[in-house]
Amino acid sequence: METAPALLQIAPRFCMPPTAGAEFRSLCLASRLARQMAVTHVGFQPPGMGAPSIPDDPRHRFVAVPRRGSYRVSDLVRGAIGPLPFSVLNYTRAQMSQAIH
């Protein structure tokens, strides 16, 4: 028995509704791939955004991870003097790890 391929798309910004080029690109890529496989899009939703309007499509799931606040000063300092770049520290959050698992 053959299992259908599946894709987990992890994005720094939630793509629904698309309000910028990066979000639109993520949405288009995932929508195209969803024609051939099951796709789950997981992305950070900006603070203050209401519940996203998500299409009902069993082959293309959307998971919004609430993003609290903006940059953390501790991440800026650790990114400047530590081994990990700021961009990695900025997007490493427990909420995202929980959504992915």
PDB file of N, CA and C in Angstrom:
ATOM      1  N   MET A   1       0.845  -1.185   0.000  1.00  0.00           N
ATOM      2  CA  MET A   1       0.000   0.000   0.000  1.00  0.00           C
ATOM      3  C   MET A   1       0.891   1.249   0.000  1.00  0.00           C
ATOM      4  N   GLU A   2       0.645   2.136  -0.902  1.00  0.00           N
ATOM      5  CA  GLU A   2       1.442   3.350  -1.054  1.00  0.00           C
ATOM      6  C   GLU A   2       0.780   4.507  -0.304  1.00  0.00           C
ATOM      7  N   THR A   3       1.581   5.270   0.443  1.00  0.00           N
ATOM      8  CA  THR A   3       1.040   6.429   1.149  1.00  0.00           C
ATOM      9  C   THR A   3       1.227   7.675   0.301  1.00  0.00           C
ATOM     10  N   ALA A   4       0.281   8.567   0.382  1.00  0.00           N
ATOM     11  CA  ALA A   4       0.340   9.821  -0.372  1.00  0.00           C
ATOM     12  C   ALA A   4       1.398  10.729   0.243  1.00  0.00           C
ATOM     13  N   PRO A   5       2.130  11.469  -0.583  1.00  0.00           N
ATOM     14  CA  PRO A   5       3.123  12.393  -0.039  1.00  0.00           C
ATOM     15  C   PRO A   5       2.447  13.555   0.696  1.00  0.00           C
ATOM     16  N   ALA A   6       3.162  14.089   1.660  1.00  0.00           N
ATOM     17  CA  ALA A   6       2.645  15.231   2.429  1.00  0.00           C
ATOM     18  C   ALA A   6       3.776  16.229   2.632  1.00  0.00           C
ATOM     19  N   LEU A   7       3.413  17.495   2.765  1.00  0.00           N
ATOM     20  CA  LEU A   7       4.386  18.565   2.934  1.00  0.00           C
ATOM     21  C   LEU A   7       3.998  19.434   4.120  1.00  0.00           C
ATOM     22  N   LEU A   8       4.969  19.745   4.956  1.00  0.00           N
ATOM     23  CA  LEU A   8       4.783  20.702   6.038  1.00  0.00           C
ATOM     24  C   LEU A   8       5.520  21.971   5.635  1.00  0.00           C
ATOM     25  N   GLN A   9       4.775  23.042   5.391  1.00  0.00           N
ATOM     26  CA  GLN A   9       5.351  24.329   4.999  1.00  0.00           C
ATOM     27  C   GLN A   9       5.403  25.214   6.244  1.00  0.00           C
ATOM     28  N   ILE A  10       6.616  25.550   6.677  1.00  0.00           N
ATOM     29  CA  ILE A  10       6.805  26.397   7.852  1.00  0.00           C
ATOM     30  C   ILE A  10       7.226  27.778   7.357  1.00  0.00           C
ATOM     31  N   ALA A  11       6.451  28.794   7.710  1.00  0.00           N
ATOM     32  CA  ALA A  11       6.704  30.136   7.204  1.00  0.00           C
ATOM     33  C   ALA A  11       6.826  31.142   8.347  1.00  0.00           C
ATOM     34  N   PRO A  12       7.639  32.173   8.176  1.00  0.00           N
ATOM     35  CA  PRO A  12       7.755  33.183   9.222  1.00  0.00           C
ATOM     36  C   PRO A  12       6.504  34.042   9.353  1.00  0.00           C
ATOM     37  N   ARG A  13       5.672  34.051   8.297  1.00  0.00           N
ATOM     38  CA  ARG A  13       4.429  34.833   8.330  1.00  0.00           C
ATOM     39  C   ARG A  13       3.285  33.983   7.807  1.00  0.00           C
ATOM     40  N   PHE A  14       2.180  34.001   8.540  1.00  0.00           N
ATOM     41  CA  PHE A  14       0.983  33.264   8.138  1.00  0.00           C
ATOM     42  C   PHE A  14       0.458  33.861   6.838  1.00  0.00           C
ATOM     43  N   CYS A  15       0.041  33.029   5.907  1.00  0.00           N
ATOM     44  CA  CYS A  15      -0.281  33.519   4.563  1.00  0.00           C
ATOM     45  C   CYS A  15      -1.755  33.803   4.310  1.00  0.00           C
ATOM     46  N   MET A  16      -2.602  33.704   5.307  1.00  0.00           N
ATOM     47  CA  MET A  16      -4.027  33.965   5.091  1.00  0.00           C
ATOM     48  C   MET A  16      -4.509  35.110   5.960  1.00  0.00           C
ATOM     49  N   PRO A  17      -5.079  36.143   5.419  1.00  0.00           N
ATOM     50  CA  PRO A  17      -5.104  36.463   3.994  1.00  0.00           C
ATOM     51  C   PRO A  17      -3.762  37.040   3.576  1.00  0.00           C
ATOM     52  N   PRO A  18      -3.372  36.839   2.322  1.00  0.00           N
ATOM     53  CA  PRO A  18      -2.090  37.380   1.890  1.00  0.00           C
ATOM     54  C   PRO A  18      -2.154  38.903   1.787  1.00  0.00           C
ATOM     55  N   THR A  19      -1.257  39.570   2.498  1.00  0.00           N
ATOM     56  CA  THR A  19      -1.238  41.041   2.484  1.00  0.00           C
ATOM     57  C   THR A  19       0.091  41.585   1.972  1.00  0.00           C
ATOM     58  N   ALA A  20       1.020  40.699   1.658  1.00  0.00           N
ATOM     59  CA  ALA A  20       2.332  41.111   1.153  1.00  0.00           C
ATOM     60  C   ALA A  20       2.834  40.032   0.192  1.00  0.00           C
ATOM     61  N   GLY A  21       3.871  40.369  -0.547  1.00  0.00           N
ATOM     62  CA  GLY A  21       4.398  39.465  -1.555  1.00  0.00           C
ATOM     63  C   GLY A  21       4.855  38.127  -1.006  1.00  0.00           C
ATOM     64  N   ALA A  22       5.533  38.145   0.150  1.00  0.00           N
ATOM     65  CA  ALA A  22       6.027  36.887   0.729  1.00  0.00           C
ATOM     66  C   ALA A  22       4.871  35.968   1.104  1.00  0.00           C
ATOM     67  N   GLU A  23       3.807  36.533   1.643  1.00  0.00           N
ATOM     68  CA  GLU A  23       2.644  35.732   2.014  1.00  0.00           C
ATOM     69  C   GLU A  23       1.950  35.171   0.774  1.00  0.00           C
ATOM     70  N   PHE A  24       1.826  35.989  -0.246  1.00  0.00           N
ATOM     71  CA  PHE A  24       1.201  35.553  -1.492  1.00  0.00           C
ATOM     72  C   PHE A  24       2.017  34.440  -2.144  1.00  0.00           C
ATOM     73  N   ARG A  25       3.332  34.570  -2.118  1.00  0.00           N
ATOM     74  CA  ARG A  25       4.212  33.552  -2.688  1.00  0.00           C
ATOM     75  C   ARG A  25       4.042  32.220  -1.935  1.00  0.00           C
ATOM     76  N   SER A  26       4.027  32.275  -0.598  1.00  0.00           N
ATOM     77  CA  SER A  26       3.843  31.051   0.199  1.00  0.00           C
ATOM     78  C   SER A  26       2.507  30.394  -0.106  1.00  0.00           C
ATOM     79  N   LEU A  27       1.464  31.219  -0.199  1.00  0.00           N
ATOM     80  CA  LEU A  27       0.124  30.698  -0.477  1.00  0.00           C
ATOM     81  C   LEU A  27       0.062  30.054  -1.863  1.00  0.00           C
ATOM     82  N   CYS A  28       0.598  30.724  -2.868  1.00  0.00           N
ATOM     83  CA  CYS A  28       0.561  30.179  -4.235  1.00  0.00           C
ATOM     84  C   CYS A  28       1.353  28.883  -4.346  1.00  0.00           C
ATOM     85  N   LEU A  29       2.524  28.859  -3.733  1.00  0.00           N
ATOM     86  CA  LEU A  29       3.351  27.645  -3.769  1.00  0.00           C
ATOM     87  C   LEU A  29       2.624  26.483  -3.096  1.00  0.00           C
ATOM     88  N   ALA A  30       2.095  26.728  -1.909  1.00  0.00           N
ATOM     89  CA  ALA A  30       1.399  25.662  -1.184  1.00  0.00           C
ATOM     90  C   ALA A  30       0.133  25.223  -1.915  1.00  0.00           C
ATOM     91  N   SER A  31      -0.600  26.168  -2.488  1.00  0.00           N
ATOM     92  CA  SER A  31      -1.832  25.821  -3.217  1.00  0.00           C
ATOM     93  C   SER A  31      -1.529  24.965  -4.437  1.00  0.00           C
ATOM     94  N   ARG A  32      -0.454  25.291  -5.129  1.00  0.00           N
ATOM     95  CA  ARG A  32      -0.065  24.505  -6.308  1.00  0.00           C
ATOM     96  C   ARG A  32       0.345  23.089  -5.890  1.00  0.00           C
ATOM     97  N   LEU A  33       1.131  22.997  -4.822  1.00  0.00           N
ATOM     98  CA  LEU A  33       1.571  21.683  -4.343  1.00  0.00           C
ATOM     99  C   LEU A  33       0.408  20.852  -3.814  1.00  0.00           C
ATOM    100  N   ALA A  34      -0.617  21.522  -3.260  1.00  0.00           N
ATOM    101  CA  ALA A  34      -1.779  20.816  -2.707  1.00  0.00           C
ATOM    102  C   ALA A  34      -2.565  20.079  -3.786  1.00  0.00           C
ATOM    103  N   ARG A  35      -2.306  20.374  -5.041  1.00  0.00           N
ATOM    104  CA  ARG A  35      -2.953  19.620  -6.121  1.00  0.00           C
ATOM    105  C   ARG A  35      -2.402  18.201  -6.213  1.00  0.00           C
ATOM    106  N   GLN A  36      -1.172  18.023  -5.717  1.00  0.00           N
ATOM    107  CA  GLN A  36      -0.503  16.729  -5.828  1.00  0.00           C
ATOM    108  C   GLN A  36      -0.322  15.998  -4.498  1.00  0.00           C
ATOM    109  N   MET A  37      -0.418  16.736  -3.393  1.00  0.00           N
ATOM    110  CA  MET A  37      -0.153  16.144  -2.081  1.00  0.00           C
ATOM    111  C   MET A  37      -0.872  16.941  -1.001  1.00  0.00           C
ATOM    112  N   ALA A  38      -0.923  16.382   0.183  1.00  0.00           N
ATOM    113  CA  ALA A  38      -1.496  17.097   1.328  1.00  0.00           C
ATOM    114  C   ALA A  38      -0.463  18.114   1.817  1.00  0.00           C
ATOM    115  N   VAL A  39      -0.908  19.352   2.033  1.00  0.00           N
ATOM    116  CA  VAL A  39      -0.022  20.424   2.478  1.00  0.00           C
ATOM    117  C   VAL A  39      -0.580  21.041   3.756  1.00  0.00           C
ATOM    118  N   THR A  40       0.302  21.229   4.733  1.00  0.00           N
ATOM    119  CA  THR A  40      -0.060  21.950   5.955  1.00  0.00           C
ATOM    120  C   THR A  40       0.840  23.162   6.049  1.00  0.00           C
ATOM    121  N   HIS A  41       0.241  24.345   6.053  1.00  0.00           N
ATOM    122  CA  HIS A  41       0.976  25.611   6.166  1.00  0.00           C
ATOM    123  C   HIS A  41       0.910  26.056   7.626  1.00  0.00           C
ATOM    124  N   VAL A  42       2.084  26.258   8.241  1.00  0.00           N
ATOM    125  CA  VAL A  42       2.169  26.752   9.614  1.00  0.00           C
ATOM    126  C   VAL A  42       2.959  28.053   9.570  1.00  0.00           C
ATOM    127  N   GLY A  43       2.368  29.128  10.113  1.00  0.00           N
ATOM    128  CA  GLY A  43       3.055  30.414  10.078  1.00  0.00           C
ATOM    129  C   GLY A  43       2.656  31.302  11.239  1.00  0.00           C
ATOM    130  N   PHE A  44       3.530  32.267  11.543  1.00  0.00           N
ATOM    131  CA  PHE A  44       3.242  33.232  12.609  1.00  0.00           C
ATOM    132  C   PHE A  44       2.203  34.238  12.145  1.00  0.00           C
ATOM    133  N   GLN A  45       1.184  34.440  12.969  1.00  0.00           N
ATOM    134  CA  GLN A  45       0.159  35.450  12.716  1.00  0.00           C
ATOM    135  C   GLN A  45       0.523  36.698  13.505  1.00  0.00           C
ATOM    136  N   PRO A  46       0.535  37.875  12.854  1.00  0.00           N
ATOM    137  CA  PRO A  46       0.926  39.104  13.557  1.00  0.00           C
ATOM    138  C   PRO A  46       0.010  39.411  14.736  1.00  0.00           C
ATOM    139  N   PRO A  47       0.533  40.127  15.744  1.00  0.00           N
ATOM    140  CA  PRO A  47      -0.297  40.506  16.888  1.00  0.00           C
ATOM    141  C   PRO A  47      -1.466  41.392  16.436  1.00  0.00           C
ATOM    142  N   GLY A  48      -2.581  41.234  17.093  1.00  0.00           N
ATOM    143  CA  GLY A  48      -3.738  42.078  16.820  1.00  0.00           C
ATOM    144  C   GLY A  48      -4.608  41.616  15.673  1.00  0.00           C
ATOM    145  N   MET A  49      -4.208  40.575  14.982  1.00  0.00           N
ATOM    146  CA  MET A  49      -5.025  40.058  13.879  1.00  0.00           C
ATOM    147  C   MET A  49      -6.129  39.186  14.459  1.00  0.00           C
ATOM    148  N   GLY A  50      -7.310  39.299  13.891  1.00  0.00           N
ATOM    149  CA  GLY A  50      -8.417  38.463  14.322  1.00  0.00           C
ATOM    150  C   GLY A  50      -8.258  37.049  13.778  1.00  0.00           C
ATOM    151  N   ALA A  51      -9.273  36.258  13.963  1.00  0.00           N
ATOM    152  CA  ALA A  51      -9.245  34.887  13.454  1.00  0.00           C
ATOM    153  C   ALA A  51      -9.176  34.929  11.935  1.00  0.00           C
ATOM    154  N   PRO A  52      -8.237  34.214  11.350  1.00  0.00           N
ATOM    155  CA  PRO A  52      -8.100  34.246   9.899  1.00  0.00           C
ATOM    156  C   PRO A  52      -9.239  33.513   9.202  1.00  0.00           C
ATOM    157  N   SER A  53      -9.573  33.963   8.015  1.00  0.00           N
ATOM    158  CA  SER A  53     -10.547  33.283   7.179  1.00  0.00           C
ATOM    159  C   SER A  53      -9.794  32.198   6.412  1.00  0.00           C
ATOM    160  N   ILE A  54     -10.111  30.956   6.702  1.00  0.00           N
ATOM    161  CA  ILE A  54      -9.365  29.835   6.139  1.00  0.00           C
ATOM    162  C   ILE A  54     -10.283  29.020   5.238  1.00  0.00           C
ATOM    163  N   PRO A  55      -9.848  28.781   3.991  1.00  0.00           N
ATOM    164  CA  PRO A  55     -10.675  27.971   3.096  1.00  0.00           C
ATOM    165  C   PRO A  55     -10.809  26.541   3.592  1.00  0.00           C
ATOM    166  N   ASP A  56     -11.935  25.922   3.277  1.00  0.00           N
ATOM    167  CA  ASP A  56     -12.189  24.539   3.671  1.00  0.00           C
ATOM    168  C   ASP A  56     -11.684  23.614   2.562  1.00  0.00           C
ATOM    169  N   ASP A  57     -10.462  23.125   2.719  1.00  0.00           N
ATOM    170  CA  ASP A  57      -9.844  22.248   1.726  1.00  0.00           C
ATOM    171  C   ASP A  57      -9.076  21.165   2.477  1.00  0.00           C
ATOM    172  N   PRO A  58      -9.524  19.918   2.401  1.00  0.00           N
ATOM    173  CA  PRO A  58      -8.860  18.851   3.170  1.00  0.00           C
ATOM    174  C   PRO A  58      -7.414  18.589   2.744  1.00  0.00           C
ATOM    175  N   ARG A  59      -7.026  19.014   1.544  1.00  0.00           N
ATOM    176  CA  ARG A  59      -5.656  18.789   1.078  1.00  0.00           C
ATOM    177  C   ARG A  59      -4.734  19.953   1.414  1.00  0.00           C
ATOM    178  N   HIS A  60      -5.289  21.052   1.908  1.00  0.00           N
ATOM    179  CA  HIS A  60      -4.467  22.222   2.232  1.00  0.00           C
ATOM    180  C   HIS A  60      -4.933  22.791   3.575  1.00  0.00           C
ATOM    181  N   ARG A  61      -4.214  22.427   4.632  1.00  0.00           N
ATOM    182  CA  ARG A  61      -4.544  22.876   5.985  1.00  0.00           C
ATOM    183  C   ARG A  61      -3.728  24.109   6.334  1.00  0.00           C
ATOM    184  N   PHE A  62      -4.283  24.954   7.184  1.00  0.00           N
ATOM    185  CA  PHE A  62      -3.614  26.168   7.643  1.00  0.00           C
ATOM    186  C   PHE A  62      -3.597  26.183   9.168  1.00  0.00           C
ATOM    187  N   VAL A  63      -2.435  26.476   9.749  1.00  0.00           N
ATOM    188  CA  VAL A  63      -2.303  26.572  11.201  1.00  0.00           C
ATOM    189  C   VAL A  63      -1.649  27.922  11.503  1.00  0.00           C
ATOM    190  N   ALA A  64      -2.413  28.812  12.152  1.00  0.00           N
ATOM    191  CA  ALA A  64      -1.894  30.129  12.525  1.00  0.00           C
ATOM    192  C   ALA A  64      -1.318  30.050  13.938  1.00  0.00           C
ATOM    193  N   VAL A  65      -0.073  30.501  14.084  1.00  0.00           N
ATOM    194  CA  VAL A  65       0.585  30.531  15.389  1.00  0.00           C
ATOM    195  C   VAL A  65       0.645  31.997  15.822  1.00  0.00           C
ATOM    196  N   PRO A  66      -0.043  32.356  16.914  1.00  0.00           N
ATOM    197  CA  PRO A  66      -0.023  33.759  17.348  1.00  0.00           C
ATOM    198  C   PRO A  66       1.389  34.228  17.680  1.00  0.00           C
ATOM    199  N   ARG A  67       1.729  35.389  17.184  1.00  0.00           N
ATOM    200  CA  ARG A  67       3.043  35.989  17.459  1.00  0.00           C
ATOM    201  C   ARG A  67       2.810  37.105  18.464  1.00  0.00           C
ATOM    202  N   ARG A  68       3.468  37.014  19.576  1.00  0.00           N
ATOM    203  CA  ARG A  68       3.291  38.007  20.634  1.00  0.00           C
ATOM    204  C   ARG A  68       4.394  39.051  20.559  1.00  0.00           C
ATOM    205  N   GLY A  69       3.987  40.300  20.452  1.00  0.00           N
ATOM    206  CA  GLY A  69       4.945  41.398  20.488  1.00  0.00           C
ATOM    207  C   GLY A  69       5.908  41.419  19.324  1.00  0.00           C
ATOM    208  N   SER A  70       6.958  42.187  19.497  1.00  0.00           N
ATOM    209  CA  SER A  70       7.948  42.317  18.440  1.00  0.00           C
ATOM    210  C   SER A  70       9.260  41.690  18.888  1.00  0.00           C
ATOM    211  N   TYR A  71      10.344  42.231  18.412  1.00  0.00           N
ATOM    212  CA  TYR A  71      11.663  41.689  18.725  1.00  0.00           C
ATOM    213  C   TYR A  71      11.934  41.720  20.226  1.00  0.00           C
ATOM    214  N   ARG A  72      12.625  40.690  20.698  1.00  0.00           N
ATOM    215  CA  ARG A  72      13.035  40.662  22.095  1.00  0.00           C
ATOM    216  C   ARG A  72      14.475  41.170  22.174  1.00  0.00           C
ATOM    217  N   VAL A  73      14.734  42.051  23.137  1.00  0.00           N
ATOM    218  CA  VAL A  73      16.068  42.622  23.308  1.00  0.00           C
ATOM    219  C   VAL A  73      17.093  41.518  23.552  1.00  0.00           C
ATOM    220  N   SER A  74      16.721  40.520  24.313  1.00  0.00           N
ATOM    221  CA  SER A  74      17.658  39.420  24.596  1.00  0.00           C
ATOM    222  C   SER A  74      18.082  38.715  23.305  1.00  0.00           C
ATOM    223  N   ASP A  75      17.154  38.570  22.354  1.00  0.00           N
ATOM    224  CA  ASP A  75      17.500  37.933  21.083  1.00  0.00           C
ATOM    225  C   ASP A  75      18.417  38.823  20.247  1.00  0.00           C
ATOM    226  N   LEU A  76      18.200  40.142  20.307  1.00  0.00           N
ATOM    227  CA  LEU A  76      19.082  41.066  19.584  1.00  0.00           C
ATOM    228  C   LEU A  76      20.515  40.961  20.096  1.00  0.00           C
ATOM    229  N   VAL A  77      20.667  40.935  21.416  1.00  0.00           N
ATOM    230  CA  VAL A  77      22.010  40.856  22.012  1.00  0.00           C
ATOM    231  C   VAL A  77      22.640  39.500  21.702  1.00  0.00           C
ATOM    232  N   ARG A  78      21.892  38.419  21.911  1.00  0.00           N
ATOM    233  CA  ARG A  78      22.425  37.072  21.636  1.00  0.00           C
ATOM    234  C   ARG A  78      22.774  36.912  20.160  1.00  0.00           C
ATOM    235  N   GLY A  79      21.987  37.521  19.268  1.00  0.00           N
ATOM    236  CA  GLY A  79      22.270  37.445  17.844  1.00  0.00           C
ATOM    237  C   GLY A  79      23.528  38.207  17.463  1.00  0.00           C
ATOM    238  N   ALA A  80      23.798  39.304  18.184  1.00  0.00           N
ATOM    239  CA  ALA A  80      24.974  40.118  17.878  1.00  0.00           C
ATOM    240  C   ALA A  80      26.267  39.465  18.368  1.00  0.00           C
ATOM    241  N   ILE A  81      26.206  38.767  19.498  1.00  0.00           N
ATOM    242  CA  ILE A  81      27.448  38.226  20.069  1.00  0.00           C
ATOM    243  C   ILE A  81      27.518  36.705  20.094  1.00  0.00           C
ATOM    244  N   GLY A  82      26.403  36.037  19.785  1.00  0.00           N
ATOM    245  CA  GLY A  82      26.383  34.575  19.884  1.00  0.00           C
ATOM    246  C   GLY A  82      26.552  33.879  18.548  1.00  0.00           C
ATOM    247  N   PRO A  83      26.510  32.554  18.569  1.00  0.00           N
ATOM    248  CA  PRO A  83      26.732  31.772  17.350  1.00  0.00           C
ATOM    249  C   PRO A  83      25.519  31.708  16.415  1.00  0.00           C
ATOM    250  N   LEU A  84      24.317  31.975  16.932  1.00  0.00           N
ATOM    251  CA  LEU A  84      23.112  31.913  16.099  1.00  0.00           C
ATOM    252  C   LEU A  84      22.723  33.309  15.621  1.00  0.00           C
ATOM    253  N   PRO A  85      22.356  33.442  14.359  1.00  0.00           N
ATOM    254  CA  PRO A  85      21.931  34.750  13.857  1.00  0.00           C
ATOM    255  C   PRO A  85      20.625  35.194  14.500  1.00  0.00           C
ATOM    256  N   PHE A  86      20.415  36.496  14.529  1.00  0.00           N
ATOM    257  CA  PHE A  86      19.204  37.060  15.116  1.00  0.00           C
ATOM    258  C   PHE A  86      17.941  36.496  14.472  1.00  0.00           C
ATOM    259  N   SER A  87      17.951  36.314  13.157  1.00  0.00           N
ATOM    260  CA  SER A  87      16.744  35.829  12.481  1.00  0.00           C
ATOM    261  C   SER A  87      16.327  34.446  12.986  1.00  0.00           C
ATOM    262  N   VAL A  88      17.286  33.603  13.320  1.00  0.00           N
ATOM    263  CA  VAL A  88      16.964  32.285  13.877  1.00  0.00           C
ATOM    264  C   VAL A  88      16.366  32.453  15.276  1.00  0.00           C
ATOM    265  N   LEU A  89      16.981  33.272  16.091  1.00  0.00           N
ATOM    266  CA  LEU A  89      16.480  33.501  17.451  1.00  0.00           C
ATOM    267  C   LEU A  89      15.100  34.159  17.436  1.00  0.00           C
ATOM    268  N   ASN A  90      14.883  35.064  16.503  1.00  0.00           N
ATOM    269  CA  ASN A  90      13.622  35.802  16.421  1.00  0.00           C
ATOM    270  C   ASN A  90      12.442  34.879  16.130  1.00  0.00           C
ATOM    271  N   TYR A  91      12.662  33.827  15.352  1.00  0.00           N
ATOM    272  CA  TYR A  91      11.563  32.944  14.972  1.00  0.00           C
ATOM    273  C   TYR A  91      11.543  31.626  15.741  1.00  0.00           C
ATOM    274  N   THR A  92      12.394  31.471  16.740  1.00  0.00           N
ATOM    275  CA  THR A  92      12.381  30.272  17.562  1.00  0.00           C
ATOM    276  C   THR A  92      11.475  30.531  18.764  1.00  0.00           C
ATOM    277  N   ARG A  93      10.289  29.974  18.716  1.00  0.00           N
ATOM    278  CA  ARG A  93       9.299  30.183  19.767  1.00  0.00           C
ATOM    279  C   ARG A  93       8.656  28.853  20.146  1.00  0.00           C
ATOM    280  N   ALA A  94       8.314  28.715  21.414  1.00  0.00           N
ATOM    281  CA  ALA A  94       7.686  27.486  21.907  1.00  0.00           C
ATOM    282  C   ALA A  94       6.357  27.234  21.185  1.00  0.00           C
ATOM    283  N   GLN A  95       5.607  28.313  20.898  1.00  0.00           N
ATOM    284  CA  GLN A  95       4.306  28.145  20.230  1.00  0.00           C
ATOM    285  C   GLN A  95       4.467  27.505  18.854  1.00  0.00           C
ATOM    286  N   MET A  96       5.531  27.888  18.125  1.00  0.00           N
ATOM    287  CA  MET A  96       5.764  27.311  16.815  1.00  0.00           C
ATOM    288  C   MET A  96       6.154  25.842  16.944  1.00  0.00           C
ATOM    289  N   SER A  97       7.009  25.525  17.893  1.00  0.00           N
ATOM    290  CA  SER A  97       7.406  24.132  18.107  1.00  0.00           C
ATOM    291  C   SER A  97       6.192  23.257  18.424  1.00  0.00           C
ATOM    292  N   GLN A  98       5.297  23.766  19.262  1.00  0.00           N
ATOM    293  CA  GLN A  98       4.095  23.008  19.607  1.00  0.00           C
ATOM    294  C   GLN A  98       3.205  22.787  18.379  1.00  0.00           C
ATOM    295  N   ALA A  99       3.058  23.809  17.549  1.00  0.00           N
ATOM    296  CA  ALA A  99       2.223  23.680  16.353  1.00  0.00           C
ATOM    297  C   ALA A  99       2.814  22.669  15.377  1.00  0.00           C
ATOM    298  N   ILE A 100       4.136  22.671  15.248  1.00  0.00           N
ATOM    299  CA  ILE A 100       4.797  21.746  14.323  1.00  0.00           C
ATOM    300  C   ILE A 100       4.651  20.307  14.808  1.00  0.00           C
ATOM    301  N   HIS A 101       4.810  20.104  16.119  1.00  0.00           N
ATOM    302  CA  HIS A 101       4.689  18.740  16.654  1.00  0.00           C
ATOM    303  C   HIS A 101       3.255  18.270  16.577  1.00  0.00           C
TER     304      HIS A 101
END
